[in-house]
């Protein structure tokens, strides 16, 4: 099963991990696929942190994502599409 949800891709931190902002919390250890328009292929990442914060009066979640060096066709448990 594949679920799509929009996230806003942020920066890359000093450890090379991706930062994304989501309306939903991430599940630690979960492997997800991120569709990034600037890259030819989707990127497989692992959720390593999910922290809630308030933005414009709404709860958002800052997701810290670690790129995985996956070869072949991995079956992700979830799919995150880059959004707004």
PDB file of N, CA and C in Angstrom:
ATOM      1  N   UNK A   1       0.843  -1.171   0.000  1.00  0.00           N
ATOM      2  CA  UNK A   1       0.000   0.000   0.000  1.00  0.00           C
ATOM      3  C   UNK A   1       0.889   1.234   0.000  1.00  0.00           C
ATOM      4  N   UNK A   2       0.483   2.237  -0.715  1.00  0.00           N
ATOM      5  CA  UNK A   2       1.236   3.472  -0.798  1.00  0.00           C
ATOM      6  C   UNK A   2       0.322   4.641  -0.477  1.00  0.00           C
ATOM      7  N   UNK A   3       0.725   5.453   0.484  1.00  0.00           N
ATOM      8  CA  UNK A   3      -0.049   6.635   0.862  1.00  0.00           C
ATOM      9  C   UNK A   3       0.733   7.871   0.467  1.00  0.00           C
ATOM     10  N   UNK A   4       0.068   8.829  -0.104  1.00  0.00           N
ATOM     11  CA  UNK A   4       0.734  10.073  -0.482  1.00  0.00           C
ATOM     12  C   UNK A   4       0.340  11.170   0.495  1.00  0.00           C
ATOM     13  N   UNK A   5       1.301  11.966   0.872  1.00  0.00           N
ATOM     14  CA  UNK A   5       1.011  13.157   1.668  1.00  0.00           C
ATOM     15  C   UNK A   5       2.025  14.217   1.277  1.00  0.00           C
ATOM     16  N   UNK A   6       1.598  15.436   1.327  1.00  0.00           N
ATOM     17  CA  UNK A   6       2.459  16.543   0.939  1.00  0.00           C
ATOM     18  C   UNK A   6       3.356  16.946   2.096  1.00  0.00           C
ATOM     19  N   UNK A   7       4.597  17.231   1.751  1.00  0.00           N
ATOM     20  CA  UNK A   7       5.532  17.808   2.705  1.00  0.00           C
ATOM     21  C   UNK A   7       6.263  18.937   2.001  1.00  0.00           C
ATOM     22  N   UNK A   8       6.751  19.858   2.780  1.00  0.00           N
ATOM     23  CA  UNK A   8       7.614  20.908   2.245  1.00  0.00           C
ATOM     24  C   UNK A   8       9.042  20.520   2.572  1.00  0.00           C
ATOM     25  N   UNK A   9       9.853  20.343   1.546  1.00  0.00           N
ATOM     26  CA  UNK A   9      11.243  19.967   1.773  1.00  0.00           C
ATOM     27  C   UNK A   9      12.006  21.203   2.215  1.00  0.00           C
ATOM     28  N   UNK A  10      12.749  21.025   3.279  1.00  0.00           N
ATOM     29  CA  UNK A  10      13.534  22.129   3.815  1.00  0.00           C
ATOM     30  C   UNK A  10      14.988  21.973   3.425  1.00  0.00           C
ATOM     31  N   UNK A  11      15.832  22.206   4.352  1.00  0.00           N
ATOM     32  CA  UNK A  11      17.266  22.206   4.116  1.00  0.00           C
ATOM     33  C   UNK A  11      17.872  20.831   4.374  1.00  0.00           C
ATOM     34  N   UNK A  12      19.165  20.777   4.188  1.00  0.00           N
ATOM     35  CA  UNK A  12      19.949  19.612   4.561  1.00  0.00           C
ATOM     36  C   UNK A  12      20.771  20.038   5.769  1.00  0.00           C
ATOM     37  N   UNK A  13      20.705  19.238   6.855  1.00  0.00           N
ATOM     38  CA  UNK A  13      21.434  19.645   8.059  1.00  0.00           C
ATOM     39  C   UNK A  13      22.917  19.304   7.931  1.00  0.00           C
ATOM     40  N   UNK A  14      23.690  19.616   8.966  1.00  0.00           N
ATOM     41  CA  UNK A  14      25.141  19.417   8.935  1.00  0.00           C
ATOM     42  C   UNK A  14      25.551  17.957   8.796  1.00  0.00           C
ATOM     43  N   UNK A  15      24.657  17.027   9.110  1.00  0.00           N
ATOM     44  CA  UNK A  15      24.949  15.602   8.962  1.00  0.00           C
ATOM     45  C   UNK A  15      24.508  15.057   7.602  1.00  0.00           C
ATOM     46  N   UNK A  16      23.993  15.928   6.730  1.00  0.00           N
ATOM     47  CA  UNK A  16      23.536  15.497   5.418  1.00  0.00           C
ATOM     48  C   UNK A  16      22.139  14.920   5.410  1.00  0.00           C
ATOM     49  N   UNK A  17      21.409  15.090   6.515  1.00  0.00           N
ATOM     50  CA  UNK A  17      20.044  14.582   6.593  1.00  0.00           C
ATOM     51  C   UNK A  17      19.076  15.636   6.064  1.00  0.00           C
ATOM     52  N   UNK A  18      18.009  15.167   5.413  1.00  0.00           N
ATOM     53  CA  UNK A  18      17.001  16.067   4.864  1.00  0.00           C
ATOM     54  C   UNK A  18      16.030  16.490   5.955  1.00  0.00           C
ATOM     55  N   UNK A  19      15.547  17.716   5.863  1.00  0.00           N
ATOM     56  CA  UNK A  19      14.547  18.218   6.791  1.00  0.00           C
ATOM     57  C   UNK A  19      13.278  18.496   5.992  1.00  0.00           C
ATOM     58  N   UNK A  20      12.147  17.947   6.447  1.00  0.00           N
ATOM     59  CA  UNK A  20      10.859  18.157   5.788  1.00  0.00           C
ATOM     60  C   UNK A  20       9.845  18.619   6.825  1.00  0.00           C
ATOM     61  N   UNK A  21       8.863  19.385   6.372  1.00  0.00           N
ATOM     62  CA  UNK A  21       7.780  19.850   7.232  1.00  0.00           C
ATOM     63  C   UNK A  21       6.498  19.170   6.759  1.00  0.00           C
ATOM     64  N   UNK A  22       5.772  18.544   7.708  1.00  0.00           N
ATOM     65  CA  UNK A  22       4.577  17.774   7.377  1.00  0.00           C
ATOM     66  C   UNK A  22       3.430  18.163   8.299  1.00  0.00           C
ATOM     67  N   UNK A  23       2.215  17.942   7.835  1.00  0.00           N
ATOM     68  CA  UNK A  23       1.041  18.143   8.686  1.00  0.00           C
ATOM     69  C   UNK A  23       0.839  16.956   9.618  1.00  0.00           C
ATOM     70  N   UNK A  24       1.438  15.821   9.287  1.00  0.00           N
ATOM     71  CA  UNK A  24       1.305  14.595  10.077  1.00  0.00           C
ATOM     72  C   UNK A  24       2.654  14.201  10.661  1.00  0.00           C
ATOM     73  N   UNK A  25       2.657  13.571  11.834  1.00  0.00           N
ATOM     74  CA  UNK A  25       3.933  13.133  12.412  1.00  0.00           C
ATOM     75  C   UNK A  25       4.529  11.990  11.610  1.00  0.00           C
ATOM     76  N   UNK A  26       5.839  11.875  11.674  1.00  0.00           N
ATOM     77  CA  UNK A  26       6.516  10.742  11.058  1.00  0.00           C
ATOM     78  C   UNK A  26       6.618   9.598  12.048  1.00  0.00           C
ATOM     79  N   UNK A  27       6.806   8.402  11.544  1.00  0.00           N
ATOM     80  CA  UNK A  27       6.978   7.216  12.385  1.00  0.00           C
ATOM     81  C   UNK A  27       8.466   6.878  12.386  1.00  0.00           C
ATOM     82  N   UNK A  28       9.095   6.952  13.555  1.00  0.00           N
ATOM     83  CA  UNK A  28      10.535   6.698  13.655  1.00  0.00           C
ATOM     84  C   UNK A  28      10.882   5.325  13.108  1.00  0.00           C
ATOM     85  N   UNK A  29      11.919   5.279  12.276  1.00  0.00           N
ATOM     86  CA  UNK A  29      12.381   4.023  11.704  1.00  0.00           C
ATOM     87  C   UNK A  29      11.672   3.631  10.422  1.00  0.00           C
ATOM     88  N   UNK A  30      10.613   4.328  10.080  1.00  0.00           N
ATOM     89  CA  UNK A  30       9.851   3.999   8.877  1.00  0.00           C
ATOM     90  C   UNK A  30      10.645   4.402   7.632  1.00  0.00           C
ATOM     91  N   UNK A  31      10.627   3.554   6.623  1.00  0.00           N
ATOM     92  CA  UNK A  31      11.243   3.860   5.345  1.00  0.00           C
ATOM     93  C   UNK A  31      10.174   4.431   4.429  1.00  0.00           C
ATOM     94  N   UNK A  32      10.458   5.603   3.863  1.00  0.00           N
ATOM     95  CA  UNK A  32       9.503   6.259   2.977  1.00  0.00           C
ATOM     96  C   UNK A  32      10.216   6.653   1.686  1.00  0.00           C
ATOM     97  N   UNK A  33       9.448   6.924   0.656  1.00  0.00           N
ATOM     98  CA  UNK A  33       9.985   7.379  -0.614  1.00  0.00           C
ATOM     99  C   UNK A  33       9.545   8.817  -0.831  1.00  0.00           C
ATOM    100  N   UNK A  34      10.508   9.677  -1.131  1.00  0.00           N
ATOM    101  CA  UNK A  34      10.226  11.077  -1.367  1.00  0.00           C
ATOM    102  C   UNK A  34      10.373  11.353  -2.858  1.00  0.00           C
ATOM    103  N   UNK A  35       9.349  11.912  -3.468  1.00  0.00           N
ATOM    104  CA  UNK A  35       9.405  12.311  -4.871  1.00  0.00           C
ATOM    105  C   UNK A  35       9.925  13.739  -4.920  1.00  0.00           C
ATOM    106  N   UNK A  36      11.159  13.905  -5.394  1.00  0.00           N
ATOM    107  CA  UNK A  36      11.798  15.214  -5.454  1.00  0.00           C
ATOM    108  C   UNK A  36      11.907  15.625  -6.920  1.00  0.00           C
ATOM    109  N   UNK A  37      11.259  16.718  -7.312  1.00  0.00           N
ATOM    110  CA  UNK A  37      11.242  17.119  -8.715  1.00  0.00           C
ATOM    111  C   UNK A  37      12.627  17.350  -9.324  1.00  0.00           C
ATOM    112  N   UNK A  38      13.603  17.800  -8.535  1.00  0.00           N
ATOM    113  CA  UNK A  38      14.933  18.098  -9.064  1.00  0.00           C
ATOM    114  C   UNK A  38      15.775  16.853  -9.317  1.00  0.00           C
ATOM    115  N   UNK A  39      15.336  15.701  -8.872  1.00  0.00           N
ATOM    116  CA  UNK A  39      16.103  14.471  -9.038  1.00  0.00           C
ATOM    117  C   UNK A  39      15.373  13.544 -10.000  1.00  0.00           C
ATOM    118  N   UNK A  40      16.145  12.774 -10.756  1.00  0.00           N
ATOM    119  CA  UNK A  40      15.563  11.891 -11.772  1.00  0.00           C
ATOM    120  C   UNK A  40      14.751  10.762 -11.155  1.00  0.00           C
ATOM    121  N   UNK A  41      15.148  10.302  -9.981  1.00  0.00           N
ATOM    122  CA  UNK A  41      14.462   9.179  -9.342  1.00  0.00           C
ATOM    123  C   UNK A  41      13.966   9.603  -7.965  1.00  0.00           C
ATOM    124  N   UNK A  42      13.035   8.838  -7.438  1.00  0.00           N
ATOM    125  CA  UNK A  42      12.562   9.067  -6.072  1.00  0.00           C
ATOM    126  C   UNK A  42      13.681   8.727  -5.097  1.00  0.00           C
ATOM    127  N   UNK A  43      13.645   9.311  -3.922  1.00  0.00           N
ATOM    128  CA  UNK A  43      14.680   9.117  -2.916  1.00  0.00           C
ATOM    129  C   UNK A  43      14.106   8.319  -1.753  1.00  0.00           C
ATOM    130  N   UNK A  44      14.760   7.214  -1.394  1.00  0.00           N
ATOM    131  CA  UNK A  44      14.351   6.422  -0.233  1.00  0.00           C
ATOM    132  C   UNK A  44      15.041   6.989   1.000  1.00  0.00           C
ATOM    133  N   UNK A  45      14.246   7.228   2.040  1.00  0.00           N
ATOM    134  CA  UNK A  45      14.774   7.798   3.272  1.00  0.00           C
ATOM    135  C   UNK A  45      14.175   7.079   4.471  1.00  0.00           C
ATOM    136  N   UNK A  46      14.822   7.237   5.603  1.00  0.00           N
ATOM    137  CA  UNK A  46      14.315   6.703   6.866  1.00  0.00           C
ATOM    138  C   UNK A  46      13.999   7.879   7.779  1.00  0.00           C
ATOM    139  N   UNK A  47      12.861   7.826   8.452  1.00  0.00           N
ATOM    140  CA  UNK A  47      12.487   8.873   9.409  1.00  0.00           C
ATOM    141  C   UNK A  47      13.300   8.641  10.682  1.00  0.00           C
ATOM    142  N   UNK A  48      14.147   9.620  11.023  1.00  0.00           N
ATOM    143  CA  UNK A  48      14.978   9.479  12.222  1.00  0.00           C
ATOM    144  C   UNK A  48      14.518  10.388  13.360  1.00  0.00           C
ATOM    145  N   UNK A  49      13.666  11.367  13.058  1.00  0.00           N
ATOM    146  CA  UNK A  49      13.112  12.225  14.103  1.00  0.00           C
ATOM    147  C   UNK A  49      11.850  12.884  13.583  1.00  0.00           C
ATOM    148  N   UNK A  50      10.914  13.130  14.491  1.00  0.00           N
ATOM    149  CA  UNK A  50       9.670  13.826  14.172  1.00  0.00           C
ATOM    150  C   UNK A  50       9.317  14.682  15.383  1.00  0.00           C
ATOM    151  N   UNK A  51       9.369  16.006  15.202  1.00  0.00           N
ATOM    152  CA  UNK A  51       9.118  16.910  16.321  1.00  0.00           C
ATOM    153  C   UNK A  51       8.017  17.888  15.962  1.00  0.00           C
ATOM    154  N   UNK A  52       6.985  17.978  16.803  1.00  0.00           N
ATOM    155  CA  UNK A  52       5.907  18.928  16.529  1.00  0.00           C
ATOM    156  C   UNK A  52       6.338  20.355  16.860  1.00  0.00           C
ATOM    157  N   UNK A  53       5.752  21.308  16.131  1.00  0.00           N
ATOM    158  CA  UNK A  53       5.941  22.721  16.432  1.00  0.00           C
ATOM    159  C   UNK A  53       4.707  23.476  15.931  1.00  0.00           C
ATOM    160  N   UNK A  54       4.548  24.697  16.371  1.00  0.00           N
ATOM    161  CA  UNK A  54       3.407  25.529  15.982  1.00  0.00           C
ATOM    162  C   UNK A  54       3.861  26.499  14.892  1.00  0.00           C
ATOM    163  N   UNK A  55       3.096  26.558  13.798  1.00  0.00           N
ATOM    164  CA  UNK A  55       3.369  27.488  12.709  1.00  0.00           C
ATOM    165  C   UNK A  55       2.055  28.134  12.290  1.00  0.00           C
ATOM    166  N   UNK A  56       1.968  29.432  12.411  1.00  0.00           N
ATOM    167  CA  UNK A  56       0.744  30.171  12.068  1.00  0.00           C
ATOM    168  C   UNK A  56      -0.486  29.584  12.753  1.00  0.00           C
ATOM    169  N   UNK A  57      -0.331  29.196  14.005  1.00  0.00           N
ATOM    170  CA  UNK A  57      -1.445  28.680  14.794  1.00  0.00           C
ATOM    171  C   UNK A  57      -1.812  27.236  14.519  1.00  0.00           C
ATOM    172  N   UNK A  58      -1.054  26.537  13.674  1.00  0.00           N
ATOM    173  CA  UNK A  58      -1.338  25.135  13.348  1.00  0.00           C
ATOM    174  C   UNK A  58      -0.161  24.261  13.761  1.00  0.00           C
ATOM    175  N   UNK A  59      -0.457  23.030  14.158  1.00  0.00           N
ATOM    176  CA  UNK A  59       0.600  22.082  14.516  1.00  0.00           C
ATOM    177  C   UNK A  59       1.192  21.504  13.228  1.00  0.00           C
ATOM    178  N   UNK A  60       2.506  21.564  13.118  1.00  0.00           N
ATOM    179  CA  UNK A  60       3.248  20.962  12.013  1.00  0.00           C
ATOM    180  C   UNK A  60       4.307  20.055  12.632  1.00  0.00           C
ATOM    181  N   UNK A  61       4.916  19.222  11.807  1.00  0.00           N
ATOM    182  CA  UNK A  61       5.928  18.292  12.295  1.00  0.00           C
ATOM    183  C   UNK A  61       7.191  18.440  11.462  1.00  0.00           C
ATOM    184  N   UNK A  62       8.308  18.646  12.146  1.00  0.00           N
ATOM    185  CA  UNK A  62       9.608  18.727  11.490  1.00  0.00           C
ATOM    186  C   UNK A  62      10.171  17.308  11.445  1.00  0.00           C
ATOM    187  N   UNK A  63      10.317  16.788  10.227  1.00  0.00           N
ATOM    188  CA  UNK A  63      10.817  15.428  10.040  1.00  0.00           C
ATOM    189  C   UNK A  63      12.279  15.475   9.641  1.00  0.00           C
ATOM    190  N   UNK A  64      13.094  14.700  10.308  1.00  0.00           N
ATOM    191  CA  UNK A  64      14.494  14.550   9.955  1.00  0.00           C
ATOM    192  C   UNK A  64      14.611  13.224   9.219  1.00  0.00           C
ATOM    193  N   UNK A  65      15.107  13.261   7.981  1.00  0.00           N
ATOM    194  CA  UNK A  65      15.127  12.091   7.105  1.00  0.00           C
ATOM    195  C   UNK A  65      16.557  11.750   6.706  1.00  0.00           C
ATOM    196  N   UNK A  66      16.920  10.491   6.839  1.00  0.00           N
ATOM    197  CA  UNK A  66      18.252  10.022   6.452  1.00  0.00           C
ATOM    198  C   UNK A  66      18.132   9.259   5.142  1.00  0.00           C
ATOM    199  N   UNK A  67      18.908   9.685   4.141  1.00  0.00           N
ATOM    200  CA  UNK A  67      18.901   8.981   2.858  1.00  0.00           C
ATOM    201  C   UNK A  67      19.405   7.559   3.033  1.00  0.00           C
ATOM    202  N   UNK A  68      18.772   6.644   2.324  1.00  0.00           N
ATOM    203  CA  UNK A  68      19.183   5.247   2.351  1.00  0.00           C
ATOM    204  C   UNK A  68      19.898   4.917   1.051  1.00  0.00           C
ATOM    205  N   UNK A  69      20.910   4.099   1.140  1.00  0.00           N
ATOM    206  CA  UNK A  69      21.603   3.629  -0.049  1.00  0.00           C
ATOM    207  C   UNK A  69      20.975   2.317  -0.451  1.00  0.00           C
ATOM    208  N   UNK A  70      19.812   2.415  -1.083  1.00  0.00           N
ATOM    209  CA  UNK A  70      19.048   1.232  -1.453  1.00  0.00           C
ATOM    210  C   UNK A  70      19.297   0.939  -2.918  1.00  0.00           C
ATOM    211  N   UNK A  71      19.619  -0.322  -3.204  1.00  0.00           N
ATOM    212  CA  UNK A  71      19.768  -0.734  -4.591  1.00  0.00           C
ATOM    213  C   UNK A  71      18.607  -1.641  -4.929  1.00  0.00           C
ATOM    214  N   UNK A  72      18.179  -1.590  -6.150  1.00  0.00           N
ATOM    215  CA  UNK A  72      17.038  -2.418  -6.550  1.00  0.00           C
ATOM    216  C   UNK A  72      15.747  -1.720  -6.207  1.00  0.00           C
ATOM    217  N   UNK A  73      14.647  -2.444  -6.277  1.00  0.00           N
ATOM    218  CA  UNK A  73      13.329  -1.885  -6.017  1.00  0.00           C
ATOM    219  C   UNK A  73      12.891  -2.205  -4.603  1.00  0.00           C
ATOM    220  N   UNK A  74      13.021  -1.240  -3.718  1.00  0.00           N
ATOM    221  CA  UNK A  74      12.552  -1.415  -2.349  1.00  0.00           C
ATOM    222  C   UNK A  74      11.065  -1.127  -2.321  1.00  0.00           C
ATOM    223  N   UNK A  75      10.367  -1.776  -1.433  1.00  0.00           N
ATOM    224  CA  UNK A  75       8.942  -1.518  -1.268  1.00  0.00           C
ATOM    225  C   UNK A  75       8.755  -0.642  -0.050  1.00  0.00           C
ATOM    226  N   UNK A  76       8.510   0.654  -0.254  1.00  0.00           N
ATOM    227  CA  UNK A  76       8.363   1.538   0.897  1.00  0.00           C
ATOM    228  C   UNK A  76       7.040   1.310   1.605  1.00  0.00           C
ATOM    229  N   UNK A  77       7.024   1.615   2.898  1.00  0.00           N
ATOM    230  CA  UNK A  77       5.795   1.462   3.657  1.00  0.00           C
ATOM    231  C   UNK A  77       4.914   2.700   3.522  1.00  0.00           C
ATOM    232  N   UNK A  78       5.449   3.751   2.974  1.00  0.00           N
ATOM    233  CA  UNK A  78       4.701   5.000   2.826  1.00  0.00           C
ATOM    234  C   UNK A  78       5.364   5.800   1.731  1.00  0.00           C
ATOM    235  N   UNK A  79       4.678   6.762   1.172  1.00  0.00           N
ATOM    236  CA  UNK A  79       5.229   7.619   0.135  1.00  0.00           C
ATOM    237  C   UNK A  79       4.920   9.047   0.505  1.00  0.00           C
ATOM    238  N   UNK A  80       5.950   9.882   0.465  1.00  0.00           N
ATOM    239  CA  UNK A  80       5.777  11.301   0.751  1.00  0.00           C
ATOM    240  C   UNK A  80       6.090  12.053  -0.526  1.00  0.00           C
ATOM    241  N   UNK A  81       5.155  12.805  -1.028  1.00  0.00           N
ATOM    242  CA  UNK A  81       5.356  13.623  -2.205  1.00  0.00           C
ATOM    243  C   UNK A  81       5.641  15.040  -1.763  1.00  0.00           C
ATOM    244  N   UNK A  82       6.665  15.656  -2.401  1.00  0.00           N
ATOM    245  CA  UNK A  82       6.991  17.028  -2.037  1.00  0.00           C
ATOM    246  C   UNK A  82       5.824  17.919  -2.379  1.00  0.00           C
ATOM    247  N   UNK A  83       5.482  18.780  -1.457  1.00  0.00           N
ATOM    248  CA  UNK A  83       4.335  19.658  -1.654  1.00  0.00           C
ATOM    249  C   UNK A  83       4.708  21.105  -1.616  1.00  0.00           C
ATOM    250  N   UNK A  84       3.732  21.874  -1.429  1.00  0.00           N
ATOM    251  CA  UNK A  84       3.788  23.326  -1.412  1.00  0.00           C
ATOM    252  C   UNK A  84       5.028  23.835  -0.829  1.00  0.00           C
TER     253      UNK A  84
END
